[in-house]
């Protein structure tokens, strides 16, 4: 399964620099608002050290990691929900992503303008959050208008939908995100097509200077899903080898609270509730993305849609136990290679062979 992450924020906070660094794509990162008009899209491999080790074990001809699609979206400004800046275009682009990375500026630089004239991460977040909430509120109000005729006619489905939309409306009017509303599984299916912006997972990246000391209890103190990254510094490191990068980071004595872009990719993966299972053989060693708590047949559908319907059984072993066994035969003799049926819940790091 593929998934996409939208990179959002006010103009000139480092969105396009992050995109260029993480995807290694050449784009315009000039110092002026709305430099990004059409969204830039790039595919990024999810770091997974297990693949190389399994490939060596199987003597695979190639390695295929799983990937994330990153979308660099135009800068948002106050009143975007009314069409200010590139508002409507911006909001429609976010709706098409699975989660949001919200970049806020935490660095001082007199050469780079800030649309509000000062560095204030909390205020920046509030500006964008309000725009997302107002955009969702408009979606909900439009939805309520569309079903009024059916509600008056007493149609059950319309009445059920109205009840859900009213829950969302109440939350949004109180400046709470849509994801604060608790729905059962049937209700979630009913409103899936709404694509509410504030229903998406949001992860915050504070763009800082590499030589800055970070107190994560002071900056965005009430937010858990956050990470501090010196984005321009990471861009400058692109020209260096991996060994030179490590040496340079040690020399600059990066604060322990400052993370790398690799950590960000893994955080996105976790926040979306995804895990990786693996297949390995002489042709290829490959990572496959599935939702947590997927059954073996559901995981098999990631390889081919027929696998879920035609599933018979699966041979399963943890990747590390397979490597420790030195061979498939040893793993089998030790009882580490298990046969699992349709009810088996796939675990992160499972190496699986499907029988259909």
Protein backbone atom coordinates (compact mmCIF):
# COMPACT_ATOMS: atom_id res chain seq x y z
CA UNK A 1 0.00 0.00 0.00
CA UNK A 2 1.21 3.52 -0.72
CA UNK A 3 0.58 6.56 1.40
CA UNK A 4 1.25 10.26 1.12
CA UNK A 5 2.33 12.99 3.52
CA UNK A 6 1.55 16.66 2.94
CA UNK A 7 4.17 19.19 4.05
CA UNK A 8 2.43 22.37 5.17
CA UNK A 9 3.17 25.61 7.02
CA UNK A 10 3.27 29.36 6.66
CA UNK A 11 5.38 30.79 3.80
CA UNK A 12 9.18 30.76 4.30
CA UNK A 13 9.31 28.28 7.18
CA UNK A 14 11.37 25.65 5.33
CA UNK A 15 8.75 23.44 3.64
CA UNK A 16 10.41 23.34 0.24
CA UNK A 17 13.88 23.01 1.77
CA UNK A 18 12.67 19.98 3.73
CA UNK A 19 11.11 18.53 0.60
CA UNK A 20 14.28 19.05 -1.43
CA UNK A 21 16.40 17.49 1.31
CA UNK A 22 14.22 14.49 2.01
CA UNK A 23 13.46 13.65 -1.64
CA UNK A 24 16.70 14.99 -3.17
CA UNK A 25 14.56 16.66 -5.85
CA UNK A 26 15.57 20.00 -7.37
CA UNK A 27 12.87 22.62 -6.69
CA UNK A 28 12.62 26.38 -6.26
CA UNK A 29 13.19 27.41 -2.61
CA UNK A 30 13.39 31.16 -3.12
CA UNK A 31 12.77 33.62 -0.27
CA UNK A 32 9.30 34.91 -1.08
CA UNK A 33 5.74 33.83 -0.20
CA UNK A 34 3.97 31.34 -2.50
CA UNK A 35 7.20 30.31 -4.20
CA UNK A 36 5.54 26.87 -4.34
CA UNK A 37 2.33 27.13 -6.35
CA UNK A 38 1.67 23.65 -7.72
CA UNK A 39 2.51 20.90 -5.22
CA UNK A 40 5.89 19.19 -5.63
CA UNK A 41 5.72 15.41 -5.26
CA UNK A 42 8.56 13.05 -4.38
CA UNK A 43 8.87 9.39 -3.38
CA UNK A 44 11.10 8.59 -0.39
CA UNK A 45 12.38 5.16 0.64
CA UNK A 46 11.59 4.18 4.23
CA UNK A 47 14.91 3.41 5.98
CA UNK A 48 15.06 -0.26 7.02
CA UNK A 49 18.39 -1.85 7.96
CA UNK A 50 16.77 -5.29 8.02
CA UNK A 51 16.56 -5.38 4.23
CA UNK A 52 20.30 -5.41 3.60
CA UNK A 53 20.87 -8.14 6.18
CA UNK A 54 18.10 -10.33 4.76
CA UNK A 55 19.37 -9.70 1.24
CA UNK A 56 22.82 -10.95 2.23
CA UNK A 57 21.22 -13.97 3.90
CA UNK A 58 19.23 -14.86 0.75
CA UNK A 59 21.85 -13.61 -1.75
CA UNK A 60 19.07 -11.56 -3.34
CA UNK A 61 19.57 -9.91 -6.72
CA UNK A 62 17.82 -6.73 -5.57
CA UNK A 63 16.37 -4.92 -2.57
CA UNK A 64 13.00 -3.14 -2.72
CA UNK A 65 12.13 -0.94 0.29
CA UNK A 66 8.70 0.43 1.03
CA UNK A 67 8.17 4.14 0.34
CA UNK A 68 6.33 7.32 1.33
CA UNK A 69 5.05 9.98 -1.08
CA UNK A 70 5.85 13.49 0.15
CA UNK A 71 3.87 16.44 -1.19
CA UNK A 72 5.24 19.99 -0.77
CA UNK A 73 2.14 22.20 -0.63
CA UNK A 74 1.96 25.98 -1.09
CA UNK A 75 2.30 28.16 2.01
CA UNK A 76 -0.86 28.84 3.95
CA UNK A 77 -1.84 32.28 5.32
CA UNK A 78 -4.60 33.64 7.52
CA UNK A 79 -8.06 33.54 5.86
CA UNK A 80 -6.97 30.81 3.43
CA UNK A 81 -10.42 29.22 3.89
CA UNK A 82 -11.80 32.40 2.27
CA UNK A 83 -9.36 32.05 -0.63
CA UNK A 84 -6.57 34.29 0.68
CA UNK A 85 -3.12 33.53 -0.75
CA UNK A 86 -3.50 30.21 -2.53
CA UNK A 87 -6.07 29.12 0.03
CA UNK A 88 -8.57 26.94 -1.81
CA UNK A 89 -5.87 25.28 -3.90
CA UNK A 90 -3.81 24.64 -0.78
CA UNK A 91 -6.71 23.05 1.07
CA UNK A 92 -7.70 20.78 -1.80
CA UNK A 93 -4.12 19.50 -2.04
CA UNK A 94 -4.05 18.62 1.67
CA UNK A 95 -7.28 16.63 1.37
CA UNK A 96 -5.57 14.18 -0.96
CA UNK A 97 -2.86 13.22 1.58
CA UNK A 98 -2.99 10.63 4.38
CA UNK A 99 -1.25 12.74 7.02
CA UNK A 100 0.20 16.20 7.53
CA UNK A 101 3.67 17.37 8.47
CA UNK A 102 3.30 20.91 9.79
CA UNK A 103 6.58 22.84 9.72
CA UNK A 104 6.99 25.81 12.02
CA UNK A 105 9.90 28.20 12.13
CA UNK A 106 12.09 28.15 15.21
CA UNK A 107 15.19 29.89 13.82
CA UNK A 108 16.24 33.53 13.53
CA UNK A 109 17.49 34.81 10.16
CA UNK A 110 17.22 38.47 9.13
CA UNK A 111 17.64 37.47 5.48
CA UNK A 112 14.50 35.32 5.47
CA UNK A 113 11.21 37.13 5.95
CA UNK A 114 8.46 35.86 8.25
CA UNK A 115 4.91 36.66 7.17
CA UNK A 116 3.92 37.75 10.69
CA UNK A 117 7.17 39.59 11.36
CA UNK A 118 8.27 37.53 14.36
CA UNK A 119 9.31 33.98 15.33
CA UNK A 120 6.46 32.42 17.30
CA UNK A 121 5.87 28.67 16.67
CA UNK A 122 2.76 28.52 18.87
CA UNK A 123 1.15 31.42 17.01
CA UNK A 124 2.05 29.91 13.63
CA UNK A 125 0.41 26.64 14.59
CA UNK A 126 -2.71 28.41 15.83
CA UNK A 127 -3.01 30.31 12.54
CA UNK A 128 -2.95 27.17 10.45
CA UNK A 129 -5.08 25.13 12.86
CA UNK A 130 -7.84 27.73 12.71
CA UNK A 131 -7.76 27.69 8.91
CA UNK A 132 -8.03 23.90 8.85
CA UNK A 133 -10.90 23.98 11.33
CA UNK A 134 -12.79 26.67 9.38
CA UNK A 135 -12.31 24.75 6.12
CA UNK A 136 -13.69 21.60 7.75
CA UNK A 137 -16.60 23.55 9.23
CA UNK A 138 -17.48 24.75 5.75
CA UNK A 139 -17.40 21.14 4.51
CA UNK A 140 -19.70 20.05 7.34
CA UNK A 141 -22.18 22.89 6.79
CA UNK A 142 -22.33 22.12 3.07
CA UNK A 143 -22.90 18.46 3.88
CA UNK A 144 -25.77 19.30 6.23
CA UNK A 145 -27.43 21.46 3.58
CA UNK A 146 -27.24 18.69 0.97
CA UNK A 147 -29.06 16.14 3.10
CA UNK A 148 -31.84 18.36 4.50
CA UNK A 149 -34.39 17.18 1.92
CA UNK A 150 -33.75 13.52 2.72
CA UNK A 151 -33.78 14.24 6.46
CA UNK A 152 -37.20 15.89 6.16
CA UNK A 153 -38.36 12.86 4.19
CA UNK A 154 -37.36 10.66 7.12
CA UNK A 155 -34.70 8.66 5.29
CA UNK A 156 -32.73 6.62 7.83
CA UNK A 157 -29.29 7.02 6.19
CA UNK A 158 -29.66 10.80 5.96
CA UNK A 159 -30.72 11.07 9.61
CA UNK A 160 -27.75 8.95 10.71
CA UNK A 161 -25.38 11.10 8.64
CA UNK A 162 -26.90 14.28 10.04
CA UNK A 163 -26.25 13.07 13.60
CA UNK A 164 -22.58 12.45 12.80
CA UNK A 165 -22.17 15.80 11.03
CA UNK A 166 -23.72 17.60 13.99
CA UNK A 167 -21.12 15.97 16.28
CA UNK A 168 -18.36 17.24 14.03
CA UNK A 169 -19.92 20.70 13.80
CA UNK A 170 -20.10 21.07 17.58
CA UNK A 171 -16.43 20.09 17.97
CA UNK A 172 -15.22 22.39 15.20
CA UNK A 173 -17.25 25.37 16.45
CA UNK A 174 -15.45 24.92 19.78
CA UNK A 175 -12.11 25.05 17.87
CA UNK A 176 -11.44 21.32 18.36
CA UNK A 177 -10.20 19.05 15.58
CA UNK A 178 -12.54 16.57 13.92
CA UNK A 179 -10.38 13.72 15.21
CA UNK A 180 -11.49 14.62 18.75
CA UNK A 181 -14.95 13.22 17.89
CA UNK A 182 -15.36 9.55 18.86
CA UNK A 183 -17.13 7.47 16.21
CA UNK A 184 -17.76 3.74 15.94
CA UNK A 185 -16.57 1.79 12.90
CA UNK A 186 -19.87 2.08 11.02
CA UNK A 187 -19.98 5.84 11.58
CA UNK A 188 -16.40 6.16 10.31
CA UNK A 189 -17.36 4.35 7.10
CA UNK A 190 -20.36 6.65 6.66
CA UNK A 191 -18.23 9.83 6.66
CA UNK A 192 -15.04 8.48 5.06
CA UNK A 193 -15.64 10.44 1.86
CA UNK A 194 -15.63 13.80 3.68
CA UNK A 195 -11.80 13.87 3.82
CA UNK A 196 -11.81 16.27 6.75
CA UNK A 197 -8.46 17.99 7.16
CA UNK A 198 -8.46 17.86 10.95
CA UNK A 199 -9.17 14.12 10.92
CA UNK A 200 -5.70 13.47 9.53
CA UNK A 201 -2.73 12.68 11.79
CA UNK A 202 -0.51 15.77 12.19
CA UNK A 203 3.18 15.76 13.04
CA UNK A 204 5.02 18.98 13.88
CA UNK A 205 8.55 19.76 12.70
CA UNK A 206 10.27 22.72 14.33
CA UNK A 207 12.88 24.07 11.92
CA UNK A 208 15.87 25.13 14.05
CA UNK A 209 19.53 26.12 13.69
CA UNK A 210 21.97 23.24 14.10
CA UNK A 211 23.96 25.03 16.79
CA UNK A 212 20.91 25.81 18.90
CA UNK A 213 20.23 24.25 22.31
CA UNK A 214 16.71 22.84 22.40
CA UNK A 215 14.47 22.52 25.44
CA UNK A 216 11.60 20.40 24.17
CA UNK A 217 9.62 21.18 27.33
CA UNK A 218 9.54 24.88 26.40
CA UNK A 219 8.91 24.82 22.65
CA UNK A 220 5.40 23.56 21.84
CA UNK A 221 5.20 22.15 25.38
CA UNK A 222 1.68 20.79 24.98
CA UNK A 223 2.41 18.85 21.77
CA UNK A 224 3.78 15.30 21.80
CA UNK A 225 3.98 14.62 18.07
CA UNK A 226 6.91 16.92 17.34
CA UNK A 227 10.53 16.77 16.26
CA UNK A 228 13.31 19.38 15.99
CA UNK A 229 15.29 19.36 12.74
CA UNK A 230 17.90 21.81 11.37
CA UNK A 231 16.53 21.57 7.83
CA UNK A 232 19.06 23.85 6.08
CA UNK A 233 21.88 22.00 7.85
CA UNK A 234 20.49 18.67 6.57
CA UNK A 235 20.38 20.13 3.05
CA UNK A 236 24.04 21.14 3.31
CA UNK A 237 24.97 17.58 4.29
CA UNK A 238 23.66 16.11 1.03
CA UNK A 239 27.02 16.59 -0.67
CA UNK A 240 28.85 14.51 1.97
CA UNK A 241 29.30 10.74 2.28
CA UNK A 242 27.53 8.94 5.14
CA UNK A 243 30.85 8.66 7.02
CA UNK A 244 31.55 12.38 6.58
CA UNK A 245 28.04 13.21 7.77
CA UNK A 246 28.54 11.27 11.01
CA UNK A 247 31.92 12.88 11.62
CA UNK A 248 30.53 16.35 10.94
CA UNK A 249 27.57 15.83 13.28
CA UNK A 250 29.93 14.71 16.04
CA UNK A 251 32.18 17.71 15.47
CA UNK A 252 29.26 20.15 15.61
CA UNK A 253 28.01 18.50 18.83
CA UNK A 254 24.35 18.48 17.84
CA UNK A 255 21.96 18.74 20.76
CA UNK A 256 20.46 15.33 21.63
CA UNK A 257 16.96 16.74 21.09
CA UNK A 258 17.72 17.59 17.45
CA UNK A 259 16.79 14.73 15.12
CA UNK A 260 17.59 13.75 11.57
CA UNK A 261 15.35 13.43 8.54
CA UNK A 262 15.61 9.63 8.78
CA UNK A 263 13.87 9.84 12.16
CA UNK A 264 11.12 11.92 10.60
CA UNK A 265 10.35 9.27 7.96
CA UNK A 266 10.09 6.58 10.63
CA UNK A 267 7.86 8.84 12.78
CA UNK A 268 5.47 9.31 9.85
CA UNK A 269 5.31 5.57 9.38
CA UNK A 270 4.47 5.03 13.05
CA UNK A 271 1.91 7.82 13.26
CA UNK A 272 -0.01 6.38 10.33
CA UNK A 273 -0.30 3.09 12.23
CA UNK A 274 1.74 1.09 9.71
CA UNK A 275 4.08 -1.85 10.06
CA UNK A 276 6.43 -3.67 7.70
CA UNK A 277 6.55 -7.34 6.88
CA UNK A 278 9.24 -8.78 4.65
CA UNK A 279 9.72 -11.32 1.89
CA UNK A 280 13.13 -12.61 0.89
CA UNK A 281 14.58 -14.93 -1.72
CA UNK A 282 17.15 -15.13 -4.50
CA UNK A 283 15.25 -12.75 -6.77
CA UNK A 284 14.57 -10.01 -4.23
CA UNK A 285 14.28 -8.98 -0.61
CA UNK A 286 11.34 -6.65 -0.19
CA UNK A 287 9.48 -4.61 2.44
CA UNK A 288 5.69 -4.44 2.38
CA UNK A 289 3.53 -1.86 4.16
CA UNK A 290 0.32 -2.85 5.97
CA UNK A 291 -1.85 -1.43 8.71
CA UNK A 292 -1.20 -2.63 12.26
CA UNK A 293 -3.43 -5.56 13.29
CA UNK A 294 -3.73 -6.80 9.69
CA UNK A 295 -4.45 -10.52 9.36
CA UNK A 296 -2.22 -12.72 7.21
CA UNK A 297 -4.70 -12.71 4.27
CA UNK A 298 -5.00 -8.91 4.48
CA UNK A 299 -1.21 -8.59 4.47
CA UNK A 300 -1.03 -10.90 1.48
CA UNK A 301 -3.24 -8.51 -0.50
CA UNK A 302 -0.38 -5.99 -0.34
CA UNK A 303 1.52 -8.35 -2.66
CA UNK A 304 -1.43 -9.15 -4.89
CA UNK A 305 -5.17 -8.63 -4.49
CA UNK A 306 -5.81 -12.35 -5.16
CA UNK A 307 -3.79 -13.36 -2.11
CA UNK A 308 -6.53 -12.38 0.36
CA UNK A 309 -9.26 -14.44 -1.31
CA UNK A 310 -7.05 -17.41 -2.23
CA UNK A 311 -5.09 -17.54 1.03
CA UNK A 312 -4.46 -21.04 2.41
CA UNK A 313 -1.71 -20.56 4.99
CA UNK A 314 1.51 -18.66 5.63
CA UNK A 315 4.99 -19.63 6.83
CA UNK A 316 6.14 -17.00 9.30
CA UNK A 317 9.36 -16.23 11.18
CA UNK A 318 10.79 -13.12 12.80
CA UNK A 319 13.56 -11.65 10.63
CA UNK A 320 16.20 -11.74 13.39
CA UNK A 321 15.40 -15.35 14.31
CA UNK A 322 15.80 -16.29 10.66
CA UNK A 323 19.22 -14.65 10.48
CA UNK A 324 20.30 -16.21 13.78
CA UNK A 325 19.31 -19.64 12.45
CA UNK A 326 21.76 -19.26 9.52
CA UNK A 327 19.41 -21.14 7.15
CA UNK A 328 15.75 -21.90 6.48
CA UNK A 329 16.38 -25.55 7.29
CA UNK A 330 17.84 -24.75 10.72
CA UNK A 331 14.93 -22.43 11.45
CA UNK A 332 12.48 -25.22 10.57
CA UNK A 333 14.32 -27.82 12.68
CA UNK A 334 14.33 -25.46 15.68
CA UNK A 335 10.58 -24.90 15.32
CA UNK A 336 11.04 -21.19 14.68
CA UNK A 337 9.36 -21.25 11.26
CA UNK A 338 5.65 -21.39 12.03
CA UNK A 339 2.61 -22.22 9.93
CA UNK A 340 -0.13 -19.64 10.48
CA UNK A 341 -3.75 -19.49 9.30
CA UNK A 342 -6.27 -16.81 8.38
CA UNK A 343 -6.59 -15.42 11.90
CA UNK A 344 -2.90 -14.68 12.39
CA UNK A 345 -2.11 -11.00 13.11
CA UNK A 346 1.02 -9.95 11.23
CA UNK A 347 3.81 -8.44 13.34
CA UNK A 348 6.38 -5.84 12.30
CA UNK A 349 9.51 -7.66 11.11
CA UNK A 350 7.75 -10.91 10.14
CA UNK A 351 9.29 -12.70 7.17
CA UNK A 352 6.40 -14.38 5.40
CA UNK A 353 5.91 -16.92 2.62
CA UNK A 354 2.28 -17.14 1.47
CA UNK A 355 0.59 -20.30 0.23
CA UNK A 356 -2.42 -19.64 -2.01
